[in-house]
Amino acid sequence: MRIRLLMFALLFAATGAQADKVYKWVDAEGNVLYTDQPRKGAQEVKIAKQPPSTVVASYASVNEDRFRYSAVTLAEPTNEGTIRDNEGNVKVSVNVVPPLRSDRGDQIRLSLDGSVLNTDPISPDVVLAGLDQGAHTLQATVTDKAGRVLISSDPVEFYLKHWSINDPRGPSIYPPVYPSQLVPKQKH
């Protein structure tokens, strides 16, 4: 409803209409209509007189704040993905659509396991170092310069594992055991 009223005010400001009175009524189908002509069953609507530039700037500000970003996602790590790194390094990559407006003071804020991280606020790619082995939950949020949340990603759960201490190069490098070992039967 606010948007309709704002659009209505913008329409009158943009066309230079200087109507002293505006009327509102509801038609038979339930549509709300406005006019500067009085008609039966219409109610008068009071509109504050403002310079047209103020109305246009006000609408543009609402539009930019409300619809600035359409999506923010975590490209890395993937949901329920496993990362193997003995130092606990995890690469994080954030996609923001449209691209982050750092020139307006917008920032990317990362939260790991519910705690906000101190990372570069305008870089979509960072490396988190020294994480403990186990399950972690990561979320990205875009905030404006006042710290208000504009949009947040879905949380991503990932698992950090270390390579084996015996051979830190990882799986598929261990030689097969030959010959297979026979297990003696136990007597009852």
Protein backbone atom coordinates (compact mmCIF):
# COMPACT_ATOMS: atom_id res chain seq x y z
CA MET A 1 0.00 0.00 0.00
CA ARG A 2 2.85 2.40 0.81
CA ILE A 3 4.42 1.73 -2.57
CA ARG A 4 1.10 2.46 -4.33
CA LEU A 5 0.71 5.74 -2.47
CA LEU A 6 4.34 6.63 -3.16
CA MET A 7 3.92 5.79 -6.85
CA PHE A 8 0.78 7.92 -6.91
CA ALA A 9 2.60 10.87 -5.35
CA LEU A 10 5.50 10.35 -7.77
CA LEU A 11 3.10 10.34 -10.72
CA PHE A 12 1.62 13.69 -9.71
CA ALA A 13 5.07 15.16 -8.99
CA ALA A 14 6.53 13.97 -12.29
CA THR A 15 3.66 15.24 -14.42
CA GLY A 16 3.62 18.62 -12.72
CA ALA A 17 0.01 18.18 -11.67
CA GLN A 18 -0.91 20.74 -9.08
CA ALA A 19 -4.26 19.31 -8.02
CA ASP A 20 -5.51 20.72 -4.74
CA LYS A 21 -7.55 17.61 -4.02
CA VAL A 22 -7.15 13.92 -4.77
CA TYR A 23 -9.90 11.34 -4.46
CA LYS A 24 -9.70 7.61 -3.78
CA TRP A 25 -12.37 4.97 -4.38
CA VAL A 26 -12.70 1.21 -4.71
CA ASP A 27 -14.33 -0.18 -7.85
CA ALA A 28 -16.65 -3.21 -8.03
CA GLU A 29 -13.68 -5.58 -8.44
CA GLY A 30 -11.91 -4.29 -5.32
CA ASN A 31 -9.26 -2.21 -7.14
CA VAL A 32 -8.19 1.01 -5.41
CA LEU A 33 -8.28 3.94 -7.84
CA TYR A 34 -7.21 7.62 -7.58
CA THR A 35 -8.26 10.73 -9.47
CA ASP A 36 -8.26 14.51 -9.20
CA GLN A 37 -11.96 14.59 -10.20
CA PRO A 38 -14.60 14.19 -7.45
CA ARG A 39 -17.01 11.29 -7.90
CA LYS A 40 -19.78 9.60 -5.96
CA GLY A 41 -18.45 7.36 -3.13
CA ALA A 42 -14.88 8.69 -3.38
CA GLN A 43 -12.92 9.85 -0.33
CA GLU A 44 -10.62 12.85 -0.37
CA VAL A 45 -6.94 12.02 0.20
CA LYS A 46 -4.67 14.65 1.71
CA ILE A 47 -1.22 14.81 0.07
CA ALA A 48 1.53 16.81 1.68
CA LYS A 49 2.98 19.37 -0.69
CA GLN A 50 6.66 18.63 -1.36
CA PRO A 51 9.00 19.75 -4.07
CA PRO A 52 8.95 17.14 -6.87
CA SER A 53 12.70 16.48 -6.51
CA THR A 54 12.19 15.42 -2.87
CA VAL A 55 9.49 12.93 -3.83
CA VAL A 56 11.61 11.47 -6.63
CA ALA A 57 14.71 11.23 -4.40
CA SER A 58 12.65 9.63 -1.62
CA TYR A 59 11.27 6.99 -3.99
CA ALA A 60 14.72 6.27 -5.47
CA SER A 61 16.16 5.78 -1.98
CA VAL A 62 13.41 3.33 -1.00
CA ASN A 63 13.82 1.47 -4.28
CA GLU A 64 17.62 1.16 -3.98
CA ASP A 65 17.59 0.04 -0.34
CA ARG A 66 14.83 -2.48 -0.81
CA PHE A 67 15.85 -4.04 -4.13
CA ARG A 68 19.60 -3.47 -4.27
CA TYR A 69 20.67 -7.16 -4.20
CA SER A 70 18.76 -10.13 -5.55
CA ALA A 71 21.01 -12.92 -4.26
CA VAL A 72 24.03 -13.75 -2.13
CA THR A 73 25.37 -17.31 -2.15
CA LEU A 74 28.40 -19.18 -0.91
CA ALA A 75 30.14 -20.80 -3.90
CA GLU A 76 32.85 -22.27 -1.64
CA PRO A 77 32.67 -24.24 0.56
CA THR A 78 29.75 -26.27 -0.74
CA ASN A 79 26.94 -27.42 1.50
CA GLU A 80 27.81 -30.73 3.23
CA GLY A 81 31.18 -30.71 1.45
CA THR A 82 34.35 -32.09 3.03
CA ILE A 83 37.57 -30.09 3.01
CA ARG A 84 40.87 -31.77 3.84
CA ASP A 85 43.57 -29.47 5.14
CA ASN A 86 45.91 -30.14 8.05
CA GLU A 87 46.40 -26.42 8.81
CA GLY A 88 42.63 -25.80 8.90
CA ASN A 89 42.60 -23.48 5.86
CA VAL A 90 39.24 -23.07 4.14
CA LYS A 91 38.75 -20.98 0.99
CA VAL A 92 35.51 -18.97 1.03
CA SER A 93 33.99 -17.55 -2.15
CA VAL A 94 30.86 -15.37 -2.03
CA ASN A 95 28.71 -14.51 -5.07
CA VAL A 96 26.65 -11.29 -4.82
CA VAL A 97 24.08 -10.41 -7.53
CA PRO A 98 24.35 -7.67 -8.69
CA PRO A 99 28.01 -7.19 -7.67
CA LEU A 100 28.80 -5.66 -4.27
CA ARG A 101 28.48 -1.85 -4.18
CA SER A 102 31.50 -1.09 -1.95
CA ASP A 103 31.46 2.48 -3.32
CA ARG A 104 28.21 2.97 -1.36
CA GLY A 105 29.70 1.42 1.80
CA ASP A 106 28.15 -2.03 1.40
CA GLN A 107 30.14 -4.89 2.95
CA ILE A 108 30.26 -8.67 3.13
CA ARG A 109 30.14 -10.07 6.66
CA LEU A 110 30.94 -13.74 7.29
CA SER A 111 29.65 -15.70 10.28
CA LEU A 112 31.24 -19.00 11.29
CA ASP A 113 29.38 -21.18 13.78
CA GLY A 114 27.27 -18.18 14.83
CA SER A 115 30.19 -15.77 15.41
CA VAL A 116 30.95 -12.82 13.10
CA LEU A 117 34.45 -13.06 11.61
CA ASN A 118 36.90 -10.20 11.16
CA THR A 119 37.59 -10.55 7.42
CA ASP A 120 38.08 -8.14 4.51
CA PRO A 121 34.59 -6.60 4.19
CA ILE A 122 34.73 -5.98 0.44
CA SER A 123 36.52 -9.08 -0.86
CA PRO A 124 34.27 -11.89 -2.09
CA ASP A 125 37.16 -14.39 -1.73
CA VAL A 126 38.96 -15.02 1.57
CA VAL A 127 40.82 -17.87 3.25
CA LEU A 128 39.90 -18.78 6.80
CA ALA A 129 42.98 -20.16 8.59
CA GLY A 130 43.44 -22.33 11.63
CA LEU A 131 39.97 -23.87 11.84
CA ASP A 132 39.51 -26.93 14.01
CA GLN A 133 38.64 -30.27 12.49
CA GLY A 134 34.92 -31.05 12.48
CA ALA A 135 31.58 -29.66 11.30
CA HIS A 136 31.20 -25.91 10.76
CA THR A 137 28.36 -23.63 9.63
CA LEU A 138 29.14 -20.59 7.46
CA GLN A 139 26.85 -17.74 6.33
CA ALA A 140 27.46 -14.57 4.29
CA THR A 141 25.53 -11.34 4.85
CA VAL A 142 25.62 -8.09 2.88
CA THR A 143 25.24 -4.98 5.05
CA ASP A 144 25.04 -1.29 4.22
CA LYS A 145 27.38 1.35 5.67
CA ALA A 146 25.11 1.72 8.73
CA GLY A 147 25.40 -2.03 9.44
CA ARG A 148 21.83 -2.87 8.39
CA VAL A 149 21.44 -6.32 6.85
CA LEU A 150 20.43 -6.05 3.19
CA ILE A 151 20.49 -9.76 2.28
CA SER A 152 21.88 -13.03 3.70
CA SER A 153 22.89 -16.33 2.16
CA ASP A 154 21.53 -19.65 3.25
CA PRO A 155 23.80 -21.22 5.88
CA VAL A 156 26.26 -23.80 4.53
CA GLU A 157 27.46 -26.70 6.65
CA PHE A 158 30.86 -28.14 5.74
CA TYR A 159 33.28 -30.61 7.31
CA LEU A 160 36.98 -30.01 7.85
CA LYS A 161 39.14 -33.11 8.08
CA HIS A 162 42.88 -33.67 8.36
CA TRP A 163 44.85 -36.10 6.26
CA SER A 164 46.25 -39.15 8.04
CA ILE A 165 49.29 -38.48 10.22
CA ASN A 166 50.92 -41.62 8.77
CA ASP A 167 50.80 -40.29 5.22
CA PRO A 168 49.66 -36.67 4.90
CA ARG A 169 49.35 -36.85 1.10
CA GLY A 170 45.84 -38.33 1.34
CA PRO A 171 43.91 -41.38 0.18
CA SER A 172 44.66 -43.50 -2.92
CA ILE A 173 48.39 -43.39 -2.27
CA TYR A 174 48.65 -46.27 0.17
CA PRO A 175 50.06 -49.48 -1.32
CA PRO A 176 47.70 -52.43 -1.15
CA VAL A 177 48.48 -55.03 1.52
CA TYR A 178 49.77 -58.30 -0.08
CA PRO A 179 49.14 -61.07 0.62
CA SER A 180 45.84 -60.69 2.40
CA GLN A 181 46.08 -61.68 6.02
CA LEU A 182 44.22 -64.75 7.19
CA VAL A 183 42.34 -64.37 10.42
CA PRO A 184 42.41 -67.53 12.52
CA LYS A 185 39.07 -68.99 13.47
CA GLN A 186 38.23 -68.87 17.10
CA LYS A 187 37.20 -72.02 18.84
CA HIS A 188 34.04 -72.09 20.92
